[in-house]
């Protein structure tokens, strides 16, 4: 178990703490799995509505665009786009953020302390919960 003391850390040091933290890595993994679940639910929705293009390799962003052009789940599109952006940021940009290569937006980079791993873990948990929630809504209509 990690013991955090509230010590100030820089980006690369914080990245190492995140990588070593089992709870954060588990929640991030659950968010990845939830994203896959949502992608599957969108593929099934498109299939049920006779969408003719191959979706087998489509990204979440592309699936959202397909739903937009087919005028499916129009009211869900803004929520899907927000979750897509959050997922992409959390999954693809943590290292770039902590390496000072991108701007601080969704996650904090400035003034980090070692215990901020809890904040990052909560963000991953919330993302997972929201992705699963939208997938459940789509799955109800199957």
N, C-alpha and C. Protein backbone atom coordinates (compact mmCIF):
# COMPACT_ATOMS: atom_id res chain seq x y z
N UNK A 1 0.85 -1.19 0.00
CA UNK A 1 0.00 0.00 0.00
C UNK A 1 0.88 1.24 0.00
N UNK A 2 0.49 2.21 -0.81
CA UNK A 2 1.25 3.45 -0.88
C UNK A 2 0.86 4.37 0.26
N UNK A 3 1.86 4.99 0.84
CA UNK A 3 1.63 5.99 1.87
C UNK A 3 2.03 7.33 1.29
N UNK A 4 1.08 8.23 1.25
CA UNK A 4 1.34 9.55 0.69
C UNK A 4 1.45 10.54 1.84
N UNK A 5 2.40 11.47 1.70
CA UNK A 5 2.63 12.45 2.76
C UNK A 5 2.30 13.86 2.34
N UNK A 6 1.81 14.03 1.12
CA UNK A 6 1.53 15.38 0.64
C UNK A 6 2.77 16.10 0.16
N UNK A 7 3.79 15.33 -0.21
CA UNK A 7 5.03 15.92 -0.71
C UNK A 7 4.84 16.45 -2.12
N UNK A 8 5.41 17.61 -2.38
CA UNK A 8 5.37 18.19 -3.71
C UNK A 8 6.20 17.33 -4.67
N UNK A 9 5.63 17.12 -5.88
CA UNK A 9 6.32 16.32 -6.89
C UNK A 9 6.20 17.00 -8.25
N UNK A 10 7.17 16.73 -9.11
CA UNK A 10 7.09 17.26 -10.47
C UNK A 10 6.36 16.24 -11.34
N UNK A 11 6.13 16.60 -12.59
CA UNK A 11 5.36 15.75 -13.50
C UNK A 11 5.92 14.36 -13.69
N UNK A 12 7.21 14.22 -14.05
CA UNK A 12 7.75 12.88 -14.25
C UNK A 12 7.70 12.02 -12.97
N UNK A 13 7.95 12.62 -11.84
CA UNK A 13 7.88 11.88 -10.58
C UNK A 13 6.43 11.45 -10.30
N UNK A 14 5.49 12.33 -10.59
CA UNK A 14 4.09 11.98 -10.37
C UNK A 14 3.65 10.87 -11.33
N UNK A 15 4.14 10.90 -12.56
CA UNK A 15 3.82 9.84 -13.51
C UNK A 15 4.30 8.49 -12.96
N UNK A 16 5.49 8.46 -12.39
CA UNK A 16 6.02 7.22 -11.81
C UNK A 16 5.13 6.75 -10.64
N UNK A 17 4.65 7.70 -9.85
CA UNK A 17 3.75 7.35 -8.74
C UNK A 17 2.46 6.75 -9.29
N UNK A 18 1.90 7.35 -10.34
CA UNK A 18 0.68 6.82 -10.95
C UNK A 18 0.91 5.40 -11.48
N UNK A 19 2.02 5.19 -12.16
CA UNK A 19 2.31 3.86 -12.72
C UNK A 19 2.45 2.81 -11.64
N UNK A 20 2.94 3.19 -10.49
CA UNK A 20 3.14 2.24 -9.39
C UNK A 20 1.89 2.04 -8.54
N UNK A 21 0.89 2.88 -8.74
CA UNK A 21 -0.29 2.82 -7.89
C UNK A 21 -1.32 1.84 -8.45
N UNK A 22 -1.50 0.74 -7.75
CA UNK A 22 -2.40 -0.32 -8.22
C UNK A 22 -3.84 0.16 -8.35
N UNK A 23 -4.30 0.99 -7.43
CA UNK A 23 -5.69 1.45 -7.49
C UNK A 23 -5.92 2.32 -8.71
N UNK A 24 -5.00 3.24 -9.00
CA UNK A 24 -5.15 4.08 -10.18
C UNK A 24 -5.13 3.22 -11.45
N UNK A 25 -4.15 2.33 -11.55
CA UNK A 25 -4.04 1.49 -12.75
C UNK A 25 -5.27 0.62 -12.93
N UNK A 26 -5.82 0.10 -11.84
CA UNK A 26 -7.03 -0.72 -11.93
C UNK A 26 -8.21 0.11 -12.42
N UNK A 27 -8.38 1.31 -11.89
CA UNK A 27 -9.49 2.17 -12.33
C UNK A 27 -9.31 2.61 -13.77
N UNK A 28 -8.08 2.90 -14.17
CA UNK A 28 -7.83 3.28 -15.56
C UNK A 28 -8.15 2.10 -16.47
N UNK A 29 -7.78 0.89 -16.07
CA UNK A 29 -8.11 -0.30 -16.84
C UNK A 29 -9.61 -0.50 -16.94
N UNK A 30 -10.33 -0.26 -15.85
CA UNK A 30 -11.80 -0.37 -15.88
C UNK A 30 -12.41 0.67 -16.81
N UNK A 31 -11.81 1.86 -16.87
CA UNK A 31 -12.30 2.89 -17.79
C UNK A 31 -12.08 2.46 -19.24
N UNK A 32 -10.94 1.83 -19.51
CA UNK A 32 -10.68 1.32 -20.86
C UNK A 32 -11.72 0.27 -21.23
N UNK A 33 -12.00 -0.65 -20.31
CA UNK A 33 -13.00 -1.69 -20.57
C UNK A 33 -14.38 -1.09 -20.77
N UNK A 34 -14.73 -0.09 -19.97
CA UNK A 34 -16.03 0.57 -20.11
C UNK A 34 -16.14 1.28 -21.45
N UNK A 35 -15.04 1.87 -21.91
CA UNK A 35 -15.04 2.49 -23.23
C UNK A 35 -15.30 1.47 -24.33
N UNK A 36 -14.72 0.30 -24.21
CA UNK A 36 -14.97 -0.78 -25.16
C UNK A 36 -16.42 -1.23 -25.13
N UNK A 37 -16.99 -1.28 -23.94
CA UNK A 37 -18.41 -1.65 -23.81
C UNK A 37 -19.29 -0.64 -24.53
N UNK A 38 -18.99 0.65 -24.34
CA UNK A 38 -19.78 1.69 -25.00
C UNK A 38 -19.63 1.60 -26.52
N UNK A 39 -18.42 1.34 -26.99
CA UNK A 39 -18.22 1.19 -28.43
C UNK A 39 -19.05 0.04 -28.98
N UNK A 40 -19.08 -1.08 -28.28
CA UNK A 40 -19.88 -2.23 -28.70
C UNK A 40 -21.37 -1.87 -28.74
N UNK A 41 -21.84 -1.15 -27.72
CA UNK A 41 -23.25 -0.75 -27.69
C UNK A 41 -23.59 0.15 -28.87
N UNK A 42 -22.67 1.06 -29.23
CA UNK A 42 -22.91 1.93 -30.38
C UNK A 42 -22.90 1.14 -31.69
N UNK A 43 -22.00 0.17 -31.81
CA UNK A 43 -21.97 -0.67 -33.01
C UNK A 43 -23.27 -1.46 -33.16
N UNK A 44 -23.76 -1.97 -32.05
CA UNK A 44 -25.03 -2.72 -32.09
C UNK A 44 -26.19 -1.80 -32.47
N UNK A 45 -26.19 -0.59 -31.95
CA UNK A 45 -27.24 0.38 -32.29
C UNK A 45 -27.22 0.66 -33.79
N UNK A 46 -26.05 0.93 -34.31
CA UNK A 46 -25.93 1.21 -35.74
C UNK A 46 -26.39 0.02 -36.57
N UNK A 47 -26.00 -1.17 -36.16
CA UNK A 47 -26.41 -2.38 -36.88
C UNK A 47 -27.92 -2.56 -36.86
N UNK A 48 -28.54 -2.34 -35.72
CA UNK A 48 -30.00 -2.48 -35.61
C UNK A 48 -30.74 -1.51 -36.53
N UNK A 49 -30.11 -0.38 -36.80
CA UNK A 49 -30.74 0.63 -37.65
C UNK A 49 -30.28 0.53 -39.10
N UNK A 50 -29.68 -0.60 -39.46
CA UNK A 50 -29.34 -0.86 -40.85
C UNK A 50 -28.16 -0.09 -41.39
N UNK A 51 -27.27 0.38 -40.52
CA UNK A 51 -26.09 1.11 -40.97
C UNK A 51 -25.23 0.16 -41.79
N UNK A 52 -24.89 0.54 -43.00
CA UNK A 52 -24.25 -0.36 -43.95
C UNK A 52 -22.74 -0.41 -43.91
N UNK A 53 -22.09 0.51 -43.23
CA UNK A 53 -20.62 0.52 -43.24
C UNK A 53 -20.07 -0.43 -42.17
N UNK A 54 -18.85 -0.90 -42.42
CA UNK A 54 -18.15 -1.75 -41.48
C UNK A 54 -17.72 -0.91 -40.27
N UNK A 55 -18.14 -1.31 -39.10
CA UNK A 55 -17.78 -0.59 -37.87
C UNK A 55 -16.78 -1.37 -37.02
N UNK A 56 -16.30 -2.48 -37.52
CA UNK A 56 -15.46 -3.36 -36.70
C UNK A 56 -14.19 -2.68 -36.18
N UNK A 57 -13.65 -1.74 -36.93
CA UNK A 57 -12.41 -1.05 -36.50
C UNK A 57 -12.65 0.42 -36.17
N UNK A 58 -13.90 0.81 -36.08
CA UNK A 58 -14.23 2.22 -35.83
C UNK A 58 -13.88 2.62 -34.40
N UNK A 59 -13.32 3.80 -34.26
CA UNK A 59 -13.03 4.36 -32.95
C UNK A 59 -14.31 4.91 -32.33
N UNK A 60 -14.26 5.23 -31.06
CA UNK A 60 -15.42 5.83 -30.40
C UNK A 60 -15.83 7.12 -31.12
N UNK A 61 -14.86 7.93 -31.46
CA UNK A 61 -15.16 9.18 -32.16
C UNK A 61 -15.86 8.95 -33.49
N UNK A 62 -15.39 7.96 -34.22
CA UNK A 62 -16.00 7.64 -35.53
C UNK A 62 -17.41 7.10 -35.34
N UNK A 63 -17.62 6.27 -34.33
CA UNK A 63 -18.96 5.74 -34.05
C UNK A 63 -19.93 6.86 -33.70
N UNK A 64 -19.46 7.84 -32.96
CA UNK A 64 -20.31 8.99 -32.62
C UNK A 64 -20.67 9.74 -33.89
N UNK A 65 -19.70 9.92 -34.79
CA UNK A 65 -19.98 10.59 -36.06
C UNK A 65 -20.99 9.81 -36.90
N UNK A 66 -20.87 8.50 -36.92
CA UNK A 66 -21.85 7.68 -37.64
C UNK A 66 -23.24 7.90 -37.07
N UNK A 67 -23.34 7.92 -35.75
CA UNK A 67 -24.66 8.14 -35.11
C UNK A 67 -25.20 9.52 -35.45
N UNK A 68 -24.32 10.51 -35.52
CA UNK A 68 -24.75 11.86 -35.87
C UNK A 68 -25.27 11.91 -37.30
N UNK A 69 -24.55 11.32 -38.24
CA UNK A 69 -24.98 11.37 -39.64
C UNK A 69 -26.24 10.55 -39.87
N UNK A 70 -26.44 9.51 -39.09
CA UNK A 70 -27.64 8.68 -39.22
C UNK A 70 -28.80 9.23 -38.38
N UNK A 71 -28.56 10.33 -37.69
CA UNK A 71 -29.55 10.98 -36.82
C UNK A 71 -30.10 9.98 -35.79
N UNK A 72 -29.17 9.28 -35.15
CA UNK A 72 -29.52 8.36 -34.08
C UNK A 72 -29.07 8.97 -32.75
N UNK A 73 -29.84 8.74 -31.73
CA UNK A 73 -29.55 9.18 -30.36
C UNK A 73 -29.03 10.63 -30.30
N UNK A 74 -29.68 11.52 -31.04
CA UNK A 74 -29.22 12.90 -31.15
C UNK A 74 -29.03 13.58 -29.80
N UNK A 75 -29.90 13.29 -28.86
CA UNK A 75 -29.80 13.93 -27.54
C UNK A 75 -28.61 13.42 -26.73
N UNK A 76 -28.10 12.25 -27.08
CA UNK A 76 -26.96 11.69 -26.37
C UNK A 76 -25.61 12.14 -26.93
N UNK A 77 -25.62 12.69 -28.13
CA UNK A 77 -24.37 13.03 -28.81
C UNK A 77 -23.49 13.95 -27.95
N UNK A 78 -24.01 15.04 -27.36
CA UNK A 78 -23.13 15.89 -26.55
C UNK A 78 -22.49 15.13 -25.38
N UNK A 79 -23.24 14.27 -24.71
CA UNK A 79 -22.68 13.49 -23.60
C UNK A 79 -21.63 12.52 -24.12
N UNK A 80 -21.89 11.89 -25.26
CA UNK A 80 -20.92 10.98 -25.84
C UNK A 80 -19.63 11.70 -26.22
N UNK A 81 -19.76 12.89 -26.79
CA UNK A 81 -18.58 13.65 -27.18
C UNK A 81 -17.76 14.07 -25.96
N UNK A 82 -18.43 14.47 -24.90
CA UNK A 82 -17.74 14.84 -23.68
C UNK A 82 -16.98 13.66 -23.11
N UNK A 83 -17.64 12.51 -23.05
CA UNK A 83 -16.98 11.31 -22.52
C UNK A 83 -15.84 10.85 -23.42
N UNK A 84 -16.03 10.98 -24.74
CA UNK A 84 -14.95 10.64 -25.67
C UNK A 84 -13.72 11.50 -25.39
N UNK A 85 -13.94 12.81 -25.22
CA UNK A 85 -12.83 13.72 -24.95
C UNK A 85 -12.15 13.40 -23.62
N UNK A 86 -12.95 13.13 -22.60
CA UNK A 86 -12.39 12.78 -21.30
C UNK A 86 -11.61 11.47 -21.36
N UNK A 87 -12.18 10.49 -22.04
CA UNK A 87 -11.52 9.20 -22.18
C UNK A 87 -10.20 9.34 -22.93
N UNK A 88 -10.25 10.04 -24.06
CA UNK A 88 -9.03 10.22 -24.85
C UNK A 88 -7.95 10.93 -24.05
N UNK A 89 -8.35 11.94 -23.30
CA UNK A 89 -7.39 12.70 -22.50
C UNK A 89 -6.77 11.80 -21.42
N UNK A 90 -7.62 11.09 -20.71
CA UNK A 90 -7.13 10.26 -19.61
C UNK A 90 -6.29 9.09 -20.11
N UNK A 91 -6.69 8.50 -21.21
CA UNK A 91 -5.99 7.32 -21.72
C UNK A 91 -4.73 7.70 -22.50
N UNK A 92 -4.79 8.76 -23.28
CA UNK A 92 -3.70 9.06 -24.20
C UNK A 92 -2.78 10.21 -23.80
N UNK A 93 -3.19 11.05 -22.86
CA UNK A 93 -2.45 12.30 -22.66
C UNK A 93 -1.83 12.51 -21.29
N UNK A 94 -1.94 11.57 -20.38
CA UNK A 94 -1.37 11.80 -19.05
C UNK A 94 0.13 12.03 -19.13
N UNK A 95 0.83 11.21 -19.87
CA UNK A 95 2.28 11.38 -19.95
C UNK A 95 2.64 12.71 -20.60
N UNK A 96 1.95 13.06 -21.67
CA UNK A 96 2.21 14.36 -22.33
C UNK A 96 1.91 15.52 -21.38
N UNK A 97 0.83 15.41 -20.62
CA UNK A 97 0.49 16.45 -19.65
C UNK A 97 1.59 16.60 -18.62
N UNK A 98 2.00 15.48 -18.04
CA UNK A 98 2.99 15.52 -16.97
C UNK A 98 4.39 15.79 -17.48
N UNK A 99 4.59 15.68 -18.79
CA UNK A 99 5.87 16.04 -19.42
C UNK A 99 5.85 17.47 -19.93
N UNK A 100 4.78 18.19 -19.62
CA UNK A 100 4.64 19.60 -19.98
C UNK A 100 4.59 19.81 -21.50
N UNK A 101 4.00 18.84 -22.21
CA UNK A 101 3.90 18.94 -23.66
C UNK A 101 2.53 19.42 -24.12
N UNK A 102 1.52 19.34 -23.25
CA UNK A 102 0.19 19.83 -23.59
C UNK A 102 -0.29 20.69 -22.43
N UNK A 103 -1.31 21.49 -22.72
CA UNK A 103 -1.86 22.37 -21.69
C UNK A 103 -2.67 21.59 -20.66
N UNK A 104 -2.68 22.12 -19.47
CA UNK A 104 -3.50 21.57 -18.40
C UNK A 104 -4.96 21.91 -18.70
N UNK A 105 -5.80 20.89 -18.83
CA UNK A 105 -7.22 21.13 -19.06
C UNK A 105 -8.05 20.27 -18.11
N UNK A 106 -8.19 19.00 -18.41
CA UNK A 106 -9.05 18.12 -17.63
C UNK A 106 -8.39 17.69 -16.32
N UNK A 107 -7.11 17.42 -16.37
CA UNK A 107 -6.37 17.00 -15.18
C UNK A 107 -5.36 18.06 -14.78
N UNK A 108 -5.01 18.06 -13.51
CA UNK A 108 -4.07 19.03 -12.98
C UNK A 108 -2.64 18.60 -13.24
N UNK A 109 -1.77 19.58 -13.45
CA UNK A 109 -0.34 19.33 -13.58
C UNK A 109 0.43 20.21 -12.61
N UNK A 110 -0.04 21.40 -12.39
CA UNK A 110 0.66 22.36 -11.54
C UNK A 110 0.38 22.09 -10.07
N UNK A 111 1.40 22.27 -9.26
CA UNK A 111 1.25 22.15 -7.81
C UNK A 111 0.90 20.75 -7.33
N UNK A 112 1.34 19.73 -8.05
CA UNK A 112 1.02 18.36 -7.67
C UNK A 112 1.74 17.95 -6.39
N UNK A 113 1.03 17.16 -5.61
CA UNK A 113 1.61 16.48 -4.46
C UNK A 113 1.37 14.99 -4.65
N UNK A 114 2.14 14.18 -3.97
CA UNK A 114 2.04 12.73 -4.19
C UNK A 114 0.64 12.19 -3.95
N UNK A 115 -0.11 12.78 -3.05
CA UNK A 115 -1.46 12.29 -2.74
C UNK A 115 -2.48 12.66 -3.83
N UNK A 116 -2.09 13.47 -4.81
CA UNK A 116 -3.00 13.77 -5.91
C UNK A 116 -3.31 12.54 -6.76
N UNK A 117 -2.61 11.44 -6.52
CA UNK A 117 -2.94 10.19 -7.19
C UNK A 117 -4.40 9.83 -6.89
N UNK A 118 -4.89 10.22 -5.73
CA UNK A 118 -6.30 9.96 -5.39
C UNK A 118 -7.24 10.72 -6.31
N UNK A 119 -6.91 11.95 -6.65
CA UNK A 119 -7.73 12.75 -7.56
C UNK A 119 -7.75 12.11 -8.95
N UNK A 120 -6.60 11.70 -9.42
CA UNK A 120 -6.53 11.04 -10.73
C UNK A 120 -7.32 9.74 -10.72
N UNK A 121 -7.24 9.01 -9.62
CA UNK A 121 -7.99 7.75 -9.49
C UNK A 121 -9.49 8.02 -9.51
N UNK A 122 -9.91 9.05 -8.81
CA UNK A 122 -11.34 9.41 -8.81
C UNK A 122 -11.81 9.80 -10.20
N UNK A 123 -10.99 10.50 -10.97
CA UNK A 123 -11.35 10.87 -12.34
C UNK A 123 -11.52 9.63 -13.20
N UNK A 124 -10.63 8.66 -13.04
CA UNK A 124 -10.73 7.42 -13.81
C UNK A 124 -11.99 6.66 -13.39
N UNK A 125 -12.28 6.62 -12.10
CA UNK A 125 -13.48 5.94 -11.59
C UNK A 125 -14.74 6.60 -12.16
N UNK A 126 -14.79 7.93 -12.13
CA UNK A 126 -15.96 8.66 -12.63
C UNK A 126 -16.13 8.43 -14.13
N UNK A 127 -15.05 8.46 -14.87
CA UNK A 127 -15.12 8.20 -16.30
C UNK A 127 -15.67 6.80 -16.55
N UNK A 128 -15.16 5.82 -15.86
CA UNK A 128 -15.65 4.44 -16.00
C UNK A 128 -17.14 4.37 -15.71
N UNK A 129 -17.55 5.01 -14.65
CA UNK A 129 -18.96 4.99 -14.25
C UNK A 129 -19.84 5.64 -15.32
N UNK A 130 -19.41 6.76 -15.86
CA UNK A 130 -20.18 7.45 -16.89
C UNK A 130 -20.23 6.67 -18.21
N UNK A 131 -19.11 6.08 -18.60
CA UNK A 131 -19.09 5.27 -19.82
C UNK A 131 -20.02 4.07 -19.68
N UNK A 132 -19.95 3.39 -18.53
CA UNK A 132 -20.84 2.25 -18.29
C UNK A 132 -22.30 2.69 -18.23
N UNK A 133 -22.56 3.86 -17.67
CA UNK A 133 -23.94 4.36 -17.60
C UNK A 133 -24.55 4.57 -18.97
N UNK A 134 -23.80 5.18 -19.89
CA UNK A 134 -24.32 5.38 -21.24
C UNK A 134 -24.46 4.05 -21.97
N UNK A 135 -23.51 3.15 -21.75
CA UNK A 135 -23.62 1.82 -22.38
C UNK A 135 -24.88 1.11 -21.90
N UNK A 136 -25.17 1.20 -20.61
CA UNK A 136 -26.37 0.56 -20.06
C UNK A 136 -27.64 1.12 -20.69
N UNK A 137 -27.67 2.43 -20.90
CA UNK A 137 -28.84 3.04 -21.55
C UNK A 137 -29.02 2.48 -22.95
N UNK A 138 -27.94 2.40 -23.70
CA UNK A 138 -28.02 1.87 -25.07
C UNK A 138 -28.38 0.39 -25.08
N UNK A 139 -27.87 -0.35 -24.13
CA UNK A 139 -28.14 -1.78 -24.07
C UNK A 139 -29.59 -2.08 -23.70
N UNK A 140 -30.24 -1.19 -22.98
CA UNK A 140 -31.65 -1.38 -22.62
C UNK A 140 -32.54 -1.41 -23.86
N UNK A 141 -32.14 -0.72 -24.89
CA UNK A 141 -32.95 -0.63 -26.10
C UNK A 141 -32.71 -1.79 -27.06
N UNK A 142 -31.85 -2.73 -26.69
CA UNK A 142 -31.55 -3.86 -27.60
C UNK A 142 -32.68 -4.84 -27.63
